[in-house]
Amino acid sequence: MAEGSDGLTIAMKNPLYTKIICGGFCPFYRAGKEDLTCGTYNFLVGIVTAAELKVAVREIKAVSDLFCDAEIKKFICRQCDFLIDGCDFRAGTGSRSCGGHTIVSGLMRKSLIPFGLGEQ
């Protein structure tokens, strides 16, 4: 990983995860920005394979789900470069949550990710 000129961490995304997380769920995703990752993207890549994720998200809708939001913010979002640089969702602009947040929240709602994220 390296730091880009805008201060965001640069980590090349895996195209399989990018298609599922960013392409399928994130309202902020723009093609050509594959070098930028959010905290929830990094979290999901670290705990589940792309094949498992593809199956797990089938019933999750691409809408903001605030289930366990405080826990997600505390253990994942606070480490996200976009939170530091100006996350539209956290800034209260009425924007939807990022794709990773939507997925993590949905997986927690389905009990596929346990509560106590910070204890892992």
Protein backbone atom coordinates (compact mmCIF):
# COMPACT_ATOMS: atom_id res chain seq x y z
CA MET A 1 0.00 0.00 0.00
CA ALA A 2 1.07 3.54 -0.66
CA GLU A 3 -0.33 7.00 -0.09
CA GLY A 4 -1.69 8.86 -3.09
CA SER A 5 -1.39 12.57 -3.74
CA ASP A 6 -4.82 13.09 -2.21
CA GLY A 7 -3.74 11.40 1.05
CA LEU A 8 -5.87 8.28 0.54
CA THR A 9 -4.33 4.85 0.90
CA ILE A 10 -3.72 3.19 -2.42
CA ALA A 11 -4.22 -0.58 -2.55
CA MET A 12 -4.98 -2.31 -5.80
CA LYS A 13 -8.43 -3.81 -5.61
CA ASN A 14 -9.18 -7.38 -6.51
CA PRO A 15 -11.55 -7.21 -9.50
CA LEU A 16 -13.79 -9.95 -8.07
CA TYR A 17 -14.34 -8.09 -4.78
CA THR A 18 -14.65 -4.77 -6.60
CA LYS A 19 -17.46 -6.10 -8.80
CA ILE A 20 -19.38 -7.42 -5.77
CA ILE A 21 -18.77 -4.68 -3.19
CA CYS A 22 -18.24 -1.53 -5.22
CA GLY A 23 -20.02 -2.26 -8.48
CA GLY A 24 -22.98 -3.94 -6.84
CA PHE A 25 -23.51 -1.82 -3.74
CA CYS A 26 -21.53 1.42 -3.59
CA PRO A 27 -23.14 4.69 -4.74
CA PHE A 28 -19.70 6.36 -4.67
CA TYR A 29 -17.96 3.86 -6.96
CA ARG A 30 -16.63 5.14 -10.25
CA ALA A 31 -14.85 2.94 -12.79
CA GLY A 32 -11.20 3.86 -13.03
CA LYS A 33 -10.84 4.41 -9.27
CA GLU A 34 -9.79 0.82 -8.60
CA ASP A 35 -6.81 2.01 -6.57
CA LEU A 36 -8.97 3.45 -3.75
CA THR A 37 -10.41 1.28 -0.99
CA CYS A 38 -12.66 2.02 1.95
CA GLY A 39 -12.40 0.51 5.42
CA THR A 40 -15.28 -1.91 4.93
CA TYR A 41 -13.86 -3.12 1.60
CA ASN A 42 -10.56 -3.91 3.34
CA PHE A 43 -12.41 -5.59 6.22
CA LEU A 44 -14.44 -7.84 3.89
CA VAL A 45 -11.39 -8.83 1.84
CA GLY A 46 -9.72 -9.87 5.08
CA ILE A 47 -12.51 -12.14 6.35
CA VAL A 48 -14.25 -13.76 3.38
CA THR A 49 -13.34 -15.10 -0.07
CA ALA A 50 -14.88 -13.46 -3.12
CA ALA A 51 -16.81 -16.68 -3.85
CA GLU A 52 -18.26 -16.75 -0.31
CA LEU A 53 -19.11 -13.06 -0.50
CA LYS A 54 -20.89 -13.48 -3.83
CA VAL A 55 -23.19 -16.07 -2.26
CA ALA A 56 -23.64 -14.18 1.02
CA VAL A 57 -24.81 -10.92 -0.58
CA ARG A 58 -27.57 -12.45 -2.70
CA GLU A 59 -30.34 -11.37 -0.33
CA ILE A 60 -28.84 -8.02 0.70
CA LYS A 61 -30.44 -4.97 -0.89
CA ALA A 62 -28.27 -2.08 -2.08
CA VAL A 63 -29.77 0.42 0.37
CA SER A 64 -28.33 1.89 3.54
CA ASP A 65 -28.89 -0.41 6.49
CA LEU A 66 -28.00 1.14 9.82
CA PHE A 67 -28.12 -2.17 11.67
CA CYS A 68 -25.10 -2.24 14.01
CA ASP A 69 -23.95 1.11 12.63
CA ALA A 70 -22.27 2.20 15.88
CA GLU A 71 -20.21 -0.99 15.97
CA ILE A 72 -19.29 -0.75 12.28
CA LYS A 73 -18.25 2.88 12.74
CA LYS A 74 -16.19 2.10 15.83
CA PHE A 75 -14.30 -0.90 14.52
CA ILE A 76 -14.19 -0.41 10.74
CA CYS A 77 -15.12 3.10 9.60
CA ARG A 78 -12.80 4.89 12.00
CA GLN A 79 -9.89 3.31 10.11
CA CYS A 80 -11.25 4.30 6.71
CA ASP A 81 -9.39 6.93 4.70
CA PHE A 82 -12.67 8.29 3.38
CA LEU A 83 -13.93 9.01 6.91
CA ILE A 84 -10.87 11.13 7.56
CA ASP A 85 -11.08 12.80 4.15
CA GLY A 86 -14.82 13.43 4.21
CA CYS A 87 -17.25 10.52 4.09
CA ASP A 88 -20.53 11.87 2.66
CA PHE A 89 -22.54 9.27 4.59
CA ARG A 90 -20.98 10.21 7.95
CA ALA A 91 -21.07 13.94 7.13
CA GLY A 92 -24.87 13.85 7.20
CA THR A 93 -25.36 14.94 3.60
CA GLY A 94 -28.24 12.48 3.17
CA SER A 95 -26.02 10.17 1.14
CA ARG A 96 -26.31 6.38 1.23
CA SER A 97 -23.67 4.38 3.02
CA CYS A 98 -20.80 2.90 1.03
CA GLY A 99 -21.16 -0.56 -0.45
CA GLY A 100 -18.95 -2.21 2.13
CA HIS A 101 -20.98 -0.73 5.00
CA THR A 102 -24.21 -1.93 3.40
CA ILE A 103 -22.81 -5.44 3.02
CA VAL A 104 -21.28 -5.66 6.53
CA SER A 105 -24.52 -4.41 8.06
CA GLY A 106 -26.54 -6.91 6.02
CA LEU A 107 -24.23 -9.78 6.95
CA MET A 108 -24.44 -8.84 10.64
CA ARG A 109 -28.24 -8.71 10.37
CA LYS A 110 -28.13 -12.25 8.93
CA SER A 111 -25.69 -13.30 11.71
CA LEU A 112 -23.03 -14.16 9.13
CA ILE A 113 -20.60 -11.75 10.79
CA PRO A 114 -20.60 -11.90 14.57
CA PHE A 115 -21.13 -8.99 16.88
CA GLY A 116 -17.93 -7.82 18.57
CA LEU A 117 -16.03 -6.92 15.41
CA GLY A 118 -13.19 -5.40 17.41
CA GLU A 119 -12.57 -8.62 19.28
CA GLN A 120 -11.54 -10.59 16.18
